[in-house]
C-alpha cells in the first residue's frame, strides 16, 4: 500500500494547490474553470499511472453531446484528461464525501434519475450547458458495467438535443459523438474477462477499497475510441440518436478488447498495450512527462502474474450512477 499512500499524498497536494484557482474561475466565470480540470486530470492520470491510447479524435464542433459507456470511477479522470468536458451524474453523488465536492468543482450536472417527471428539467439543464459551450459527457447506460460488455443506452436525457435547439437562436444543429472506453491492461498484465473486475467498479463493490486496490496495482492501460460525430436538427428522433450511438460504442469497445487480446497472443505488442491500426495513430498521454518522486510513472513492474491472479468474476449486478 506504499504506492497507494504516495499517490494519495500527491493527489492531496495537487488538489490543494489548484483549488483556489478553480474556485476563482467559477466565481468570476473565467475560462479557467473549464481548462483547469482538464490539466488537473492529466496530472492525476500520470500520478496513478494511467496510460491512454486514443483512437480517433473528439469533434471540435459545438454544441457537443458525448455519449459513452461507463466502466469505472477512472472514466472521469481518463475522459477529462483528453478534453475539457462536464459530466452528468446522479444527484446522490453530490452528497458523497470528497468525491461529491470534486464533482461540483468540475461543474458536474446532477440529475435525479429516480424522478421521471424531472427528466425534462434535467434535459433543459444539459441543454443550457451545451449552449454555453461546454462539451457534455453522458454515460448513456445509466450505470457502470463490468467492462466486458456495453449495456443498453437510455434515450431519456438525449432529449437535451431538442431543448438546446429550441432555446437557441444561434444554433440549428447539435453534434452527438459516441465514445468508447475499454480497459485492456493492469500492471503490464492483459485484462481478460475475469481480470477486468480489477478496474471495473460495478455491482456491490465499495468505492474506497476498490480505489485503493487500483492505486496499489500499478499502470492501467485504457483505449479510448471516438466514433463519428453526427449533427442533428430538431427533426431528429432521440431514440434513433441513442440507438445509433449505442451501436457505435458496442462496435468500438469490442474492437478494442479483441484487438488488445489478439495483439498480445500474437506477440505484436507488449503485455498491457493495445494494438492500434496504422491508419489511426493513437494519441498517448505519457506519464513520464509528469513523473514525481512520490509516484514514478515511467516504470511499473508487474505486481502479479496471470498465473497468480484469480480469473473468477463476481456475479454481475448493475450499479446506478
Protein backbone atom coordinates (compact mmCIF):
# COMPACT_ATOMS: atom_id res chain seq x y z
CA UNK A 1 0.00 0.00 0.00
CA UNK A 2 3.05 2.28 -0.06
CA UNK A 3 2.36 3.16 -3.67
CA UNK A 4 -1.29 3.98 -2.95
CA UNK A 5 -0.33 6.15 0.03
CA UNK A 6 2.23 8.07 -2.03
CA UNK A 7 -0.32 8.72 -4.76
CA UNK A 8 -2.92 9.91 -2.26
CA UNK A 9 -0.44 12.34 -0.70
CA UNK A 10 0.49 13.71 -4.11
CA UNK A 11 -3.22 13.95 -5.00
CA UNK A 12 -3.95 15.94 -1.84
CA UNK A 13 -1.08 18.35 -2.52
CA UNK A 14 -2.10 18.85 -6.15
CA UNK A 15 -5.73 19.45 -5.20
CA UNK A 16 -4.89 22.00 -2.52
CA UNK A 17 -2.58 23.92 -4.85
CA UNK A 18 -5.09 24.17 -7.71
CA UNK A 19 -8.25 24.60 -5.61
CA UNK A 20 -8.07 28.42 -5.19
CA UNK A 21 -7.65 28.91 -8.95
CA UNK A 22 -10.66 26.72 -9.80
CA UNK A 23 -12.83 28.46 -7.23
CA UNK A 24 -11.84 31.85 -8.62
CA UNK A 25 -12.62 30.70 -12.14
CA UNK A 26 -16.08 29.53 -11.10
CA UNK A 27 -16.90 32.65 -9.09
CA UNK A 28 -15.83 35.09 -11.82
CA UNK A 29 -16.89 32.98 -14.80
CA UNK A 30 -13.37 32.67 -16.20
CA UNK A 31 -12.36 30.24 -18.95
CA UNK A 32 -10.01 28.78 -16.37
CA UNK A 33 -12.94 26.88 -14.84
CA UNK A 34 -13.10 24.75 -18.00
CA UNK A 35 -9.40 24.26 -18.73
CA UNK A 36 -8.07 23.70 -15.20
CA UNK A 37 -9.94 20.41 -14.55
CA UNK A 38 -8.54 19.13 -17.86
CA UNK A 39 -4.93 19.68 -16.76
CA UNK A 40 -5.71 18.53 -13.23
CA UNK A 41 -6.88 15.16 -14.52
CA UNK A 42 -3.92 14.84 -16.87
CA UNK A 43 -1.70 15.10 -13.82
CA UNK A 44 -3.88 12.64 -11.90
CA UNK A 45 -3.60 10.10 -14.70
CA UNK A 46 0.15 10.49 -14.59
CA UNK A 47 0.22 10.02 -10.83
CA UNK A 48 -1.96 6.91 -10.97
CA UNK A 49 -0.09 5.54 -13.98
CA UNK A 50 -2.98 5.57 -16.45
CA UNK A 51 -1.69 5.03 -20.00
CA UNK A 52 -4.18 6.24 -22.57
CA UNK A 53 -4.33 5.26 -26.21
CA UNK A 54 -6.74 7.35 -28.19
CA UNK A 55 -8.23 6.17 -31.49
CA UNK A 56 -9.88 8.91 -33.48
CA UNK A 57 -10.46 12.36 -32.02
CA UNK A 58 -13.13 14.44 -30.38
CA UNK A 59 -15.01 16.63 -32.81
CA UNK A 60 -14.29 20.35 -32.47
CA UNK A 61 -17.86 21.20 -33.48
CA UNK A 62 -20.15 22.81 -30.92
CA UNK A 63 -22.60 22.30 -29.23
CA UNK A 64 -21.30 18.81 -28.42
CA UNK A 65 -23.01 15.95 -26.58
CA UNK A 66 -20.78 12.90 -25.98
CA UNK A 67 -22.44 9.53 -25.35
CA UNK A 68 -20.17 6.99 -23.65
CA UNK A 69 -20.18 3.64 -21.91
CA UNK A 70 -19.27 3.59 -18.22
CA UNK A 71 -16.88 1.15 -16.53
CA UNK A 72 -15.14 2.72 -13.55
CA UNK A 73 -14.57 5.82 -11.45
CA UNK A 74 -11.38 6.08 -13.51
CA UNK A 75 -13.54 7.07 -16.51
CA UNK A 76 -13.80 10.60 -15.13
CA UNK A 77 -10.02 11.02 -14.98
CA UNK A 78 -9.45 9.45 -18.39
CA UNK A 79 -12.05 11.48 -20.29
CA UNK A 80 -11.18 14.75 -18.55
CA UNK A 81 -7.50 14.20 -19.30
CA UNK A 82 -8.27 14.14 -23.02
CA UNK A 83 -10.51 17.18 -23.29
CA UNK A 84 -12.29 19.85 -21.21
CA UNK A 85 -15.76 18.40 -20.52
CA UNK A 86 -18.53 18.37 -17.93
CA UNK A 87 -20.32 15.24 -16.77
CA UNK A 88 -23.88 14.25 -15.96
CA UNK A 89 -24.18 12.32 -12.68
CA UNK A 90 -26.93 11.10 -10.37
CA UNK A 91 -27.86 13.56 -7.63
CA UNK A 92 -26.61 11.26 -4.86
CA UNK A 93 -23.03 11.81 -5.99
CA UNK A 94 -23.21 15.45 -4.86
CA UNK A 95 -23.54 14.24 -1.26
CA UNK A 96 -20.59 11.83 -1.32
CA UNK A 97 -17.70 12.88 0.96
CA UNK A 98 -14.82 14.35 -1.07
CA UNK A 99 -15.98 12.89 -4.40
CA UNK A 100 -19.13 14.99 -4.43
CA UNK A 101 -17.08 18.08 -3.66
CA UNK A 102 -14.69 17.31 -6.50
CA UNK A 103 -17.62 16.70 -8.85
CA UNK A 104 -19.07 20.12 -8.01
CA UNK A 105 -15.71 21.74 -8.66
CA UNK A 106 -15.79 20.22 -12.14
CA UNK A 107 -19.24 21.79 -12.65
CA UNK A 108 -20.98 18.42 -12.90
CA UNK A 109 -24.68 18.40 -13.81
CA UNK A 110 -26.58 16.48 -11.13
CA UNK A 111 -29.88 14.82 -12.02
CA UNK A 112 -32.48 12.75 -10.22
CA UNK A 113 -32.71 9.51 -12.17
CA UNK A 114 -35.47 8.16 -9.94
CA UNK A 115 -37.91 11.01 -10.60
CA UNK A 116 -39.05 10.54 -14.18
CA UNK A 117 -41.16 13.70 -14.03
CA UNK A 118 -37.93 15.69 -13.65
CA UNK A 119 -36.37 14.37 -16.84
CA UNK A 120 -37.47 17.46 -18.74
CA UNK A 121 -35.80 19.76 -16.21
CA UNK A 122 -32.58 17.72 -16.39
CA UNK A 123 -32.62 17.88 -20.19
CA UNK A 124 -33.06 21.65 -20.05
CA UNK A 125 -30.08 21.97 -17.72
CA UNK A 126 -27.93 19.87 -20.06
CA UNK A 127 -29.15 21.97 -22.98
CA UNK A 128 -28.14 25.13 -21.15
CA UNK A 129 -24.60 23.84 -20.69
CA UNK A 130 -24.40 22.83 -24.34
CA UNK A 131 -25.38 26.34 -25.43
CA UNK A 132 -22.81 27.85 -23.05
CA UNK A 133 -20.09 25.99 -24.97
CA UNK A 134 -19.50 23.04 -22.67
CA UNK A 135 -18.94 19.58 -24.12
CA UNK A 136 -21.28 17.40 -22.06
CA UNK A 137 -20.48 13.71 -21.38
CA UNK A 138 -23.48 11.49 -20.73
CA UNK A 139 -22.92 7.91 -19.56
CA UNK A 140 -25.88 6.70 -21.54
CA UNK A 141 -26.14 3.27 -19.90
CA UNK A 142 -27.25 4.95 -16.68
CA UNK A 143 -24.95 2.65 -14.67
CA UNK A 144 -21.50 1.10 -14.83
CA UNK A 145 -20.76 -2.32 -16.32
CA UNK A 146 -18.10 -4.99 -15.83
CA UNK A 147 -16.12 -3.60 -18.77
CA UNK A 148 -16.69 -6.68 -20.91
CA UNK A 149 -19.95 -5.52 -22.40
CA UNK A 150 -21.93 -2.39 -23.21
CA UNK A 151 -25.35 -2.14 -21.58
CA UNK A 152 -28.40 -0.73 -23.39
CA UNK A 153 -28.33 3.05 -23.75
CA UNK A 154 -31.16 5.12 -22.27
CA UNK A 155 -32.67 7.77 -24.51
CA UNK A 156 -34.45 10.00 -21.98
CA UNK A 157 -31.70 12.58 -21.45
CA UNK A 158 -30.77 12.69 -25.13
CA UNK A 159 -33.83 14.91 -25.39
CA UNK A 160 -31.42 17.69 -24.38
CA UNK A 161 -30.62 17.96 -28.09
CA UNK A 162 -34.13 19.22 -28.78
CA UNK A 163 -34.13 21.53 -25.77
CA UNK A 164 -30.83 23.05 -26.85
CA UNK A 165 -32.07 23.80 -30.35
CA UNK A 166 -35.42 25.04 -29.12
CA UNK A 167 -33.75 27.54 -26.80
CA UNK A 168 -31.11 28.76 -29.25
CA UNK A 169 -31.24 31.48 -31.86
CA UNK A 170 -27.66 30.81 -32.95
CA UNK A 171 -27.56 27.04 -33.42
CA UNK A 172 -29.63 24.87 -35.71
CA UNK A 173 -27.64 21.68 -35.10
CA UNK A 174 -26.27 19.78 -32.11
CA UNK A 175 -23.34 17.41 -32.61
CA UNK A 176 -23.60 14.00 -30.94
CA UNK A 177 -20.45 11.88 -30.76
CA UNK A 178 -20.14 8.31 -29.43
CA UNK A 179 -17.11 7.38 -27.34
CA UNK A 180 -15.87 4.01 -26.08
CA UNK A 181 -13.78 3.17 -23.02
CA UNK A 182 -12.01 -0.20 -22.92
CA UNK A 183 -9.58 -1.15 -20.13
CA UNK A 184 -7.05 -3.56 -21.59
CA UNK A 185 -4.18 -3.90 -19.11
CA UNK A 186 -3.19 -3.60 -15.45
CA UNK A 187 0.39 -3.72 -14.14
CA UNK A 188 1.55 -4.98 -17.53
CA UNK A 189 -0.88 -7.90 -17.36
CA UNK A 190 -3.53 -8.08 -20.13
CA UNK A 191 -7.01 -7.86 -18.68
CA UNK A 192 -9.05 -10.89 -19.65
CA UNK A 193 -12.78 -11.06 -18.98
CA UNK A 194 -12.22 -12.41 -15.50
CA UNK A 195 -9.50 -9.92 -14.57
CA UNK A 196 -11.29 -6.81 -15.82
CA UNK A 197 -13.14 -6.64 -12.50
CA UNK A 198 -9.93 -5.29 -11.01
CA UNK A 199 -10.52 -1.99 -12.82
CA UNK A 200 -14.29 -2.04 -13.38
CA UNK A 201 -16.29 -0.58 -10.50
CA UNK A 202 -19.77 -2.01 -10.63
CA UNK A 203 -22.35 -4.06 -8.75
CA UNK A 204 -21.89 -4.06 -4.97
CA UNK A 205 -18.20 -3.08 -5.00
CA UNK A 206 -17.34 -0.43 -2.40
CA UNK A 207 -15.67 2.67 -3.82
CA UNK A 208 -12.84 3.28 -1.35
CA UNK A 209 -11.45 -0.31 -1.21
CA UNK A 210 -11.68 -0.53 -5.00
CA UNK A 211 -9.90 2.81 -5.42
CA UNK A 212 -7.07 1.80 -3.07
CA UNK A 213 -6.66 -1.54 -4.84
CA UNK A 214 -6.32 0.15 -8.23
CA UNK A 215 -3.85 2.71 -6.91
CA UNK A 216 -1.71 -0.05 -5.41
CA UNK A 217 -1.76 -2.22 -8.54
CA UNK A 218 0.37 -0.24 -11.00
CA UNK A 219 -0.10 1.07 -14.50
CA UNK A 220 -3.56 0.95 -16.09
CA UNK A 221 -3.90 0.72 -19.89
CA UNK A 222 -7.08 2.05 -21.45
CA UNK A 223 -8.16 2.52 -25.07
CA UNK A 224 -10.43 5.46 -25.82
CA UNK A 225 -12.15 5.29 -29.20
CA UNK A 226 -14.10 8.14 -30.78
CA UNK A 227 -16.89 7.48 -33.26
CA UNK A 228 -18.01 9.82 -35.99
CA UNK A 229 -19.83 12.92 -34.77
CA UNK A 230 -23.27 13.46 -36.27
CA UNK A 231 -25.07 16.80 -36.45
CA UNK A 232 -28.77 16.58 -35.59
CA UNK A 233 -31.54 19.12 -36.03
CA UNK A 234 -34.93 19.46 -34.35
CA UNK A 235 -36.45 16.74 -36.50
CA UNK A 236 -34.12 14.05 -35.13
CA UNK A 237 -35.64 11.30 -33.00
CA UNK A 238 -33.90 10.86 -29.64
CA UNK A 239 -34.39 7.10 -29.71
CA UNK A 240 -32.74 6.88 -33.13
CA UNK A 241 -29.85 9.05 -31.90
CA UNK A 242 -29.39 6.81 -28.87
CA UNK A 243 -29.64 3.60 -30.89
CA UNK A 244 -27.01 4.73 -33.40
CA UNK A 245 -24.63 5.83 -30.64
CA UNK A 246 -25.06 2.56 -28.75
CA UNK A 247 -24.33 0.54 -31.87
CA UNK A 248 -21.16 2.55 -32.49
CA UNK A 249 -19.93 2.23 -28.88
CA UNK A 250 -20.55 -1.52 -28.87
CA UNK A 251 -18.56 -1.91 -32.07
CA UNK A 252 -15.63 0.22 -30.87
CA UNK A 253 -15.48 -1.45 -27.45
CA UNK A 254 -15.50 -4.95 -28.93
CA UNK A 255 -12.79 -3.97 -31.41
CA UNK A 256 -10.56 -2.50 -28.68
CA UNK A 257 -10.90 -5.54 -26.40
CA UNK A 258 -10.49 -8.01 -29.24
CA UNK A 259 -7.52 -6.11 -30.70
CA UNK A 260 -5.68 -6.00 -27.39
CA UNK A 261 -6.14 -9.73 -26.79
CA UNK A 262 -5.16 -10.70 -30.33
CA UNK A 263 -2.07 -8.49 -30.35
CA UNK A 264 -0.84 -9.93 -27.06
CA UNK A 265 -1.34 -13.51 -28.18
CA UNK A 266 0.47 -12.79 -31.43
CA UNK A 267 3.34 -11.12 -29.58
CA UNK A 268 2.94 -7.95 -31.61
CA UNK A 269 2.90 -5.56 -28.67
CA UNK A 270 3.99 -5.76 -25.02
CA UNK A 271 1.51 -7.05 -22.49
CA UNK A 272 -0.92 -4.37 -21.42
CA UNK A 273 -0.63 -2.32 -24.62
CA UNK A 274 -3.30 -2.18 -27.28
CA UNK A 275 -2.63 -2.60 -30.96
CA UNK A 276 -3.81 0.38 -32.98
CA UNK A 277 -4.42 0.28 -36.75
CA UNK A 278 -1.77 2.19 -38.69
CA UNK A 279 -4.36 4.43 -40.32
CA UNK A 280 -5.48 5.71 -36.91
CA UNK A 281 -2.34 6.72 -34.98
CA UNK A 282 -3.09 6.91 -31.25
CA UNK A 283 -2.72 9.93 -29.05
CA UNK A 284 -0.85 8.92 -25.93
CA UNK A 285 -0.56 10.67 -22.61
CA UNK A 286 2.92 9.84 -21.39
CA UNK A 287 3.07 9.56 -17.58
CA UNK A 288 6.82 10.08 -17.73
CA UNK A 289 6.26 13.74 -18.51
CA UNK A 290 4.60 14.17 -15.16
CA UNK A 291 6.60 11.64 -13.11
CA UNK A 292 7.19 12.58 -9.49
CA UNK A 293 9.31 11.16 -6.75
CA UNK A 294 6.10 10.18 -4.93
CA UNK A 295 4.83 8.19 -7.87
CA UNK A 296 7.41 7.48 -10.59
CA UNK A 297 5.17 6.76 -13.56
CA UNK A 298 7.80 5.69 -16.08
CA UNK A 299 8.18 2.11 -14.84
CA UNK A 300 5.60 -0.08 -13.24
CA UNK A 301 6.85 -3.62 -12.62
CA UNK A 302 4.07 -6.18 -12.67
CA UNK A 303 2.67 -6.76 -9.20
CA UNK A 304 1.31 -10.17 -10.10
CA UNK A 305 1.33 -12.64 -12.92
CA UNK A 306 -1.63 -14.03 -14.77
CA UNK A 307 -0.97 -17.38 -13.12
CA UNK A 308 -1.35 -15.97 -9.60
CA UNK A 309 -4.41 -13.83 -10.19
CA UNK A 310 -7.77 -15.47 -9.83
CA UNK A 311 -9.78 -15.29 -13.03
CA UNK A 312 -13.11 -15.80 -11.33
CA UNK A 313 -15.53 -12.93 -11.88
CA UNK A 314 -18.20 -11.95 -9.33
CA UNK A 315 -21.88 -12.14 -10.05
CA UNK A 316 -22.65 -9.12 -12.17
CA UNK A 317 -25.08 -6.55 -10.79
CA UNK A 318 -25.58 -3.08 -12.31
CA UNK A 319 -24.75 -0.09 -10.15
CA UNK A 320 -26.73 3.07 -10.73
CA UNK A 321 -24.59 6.10 -11.48
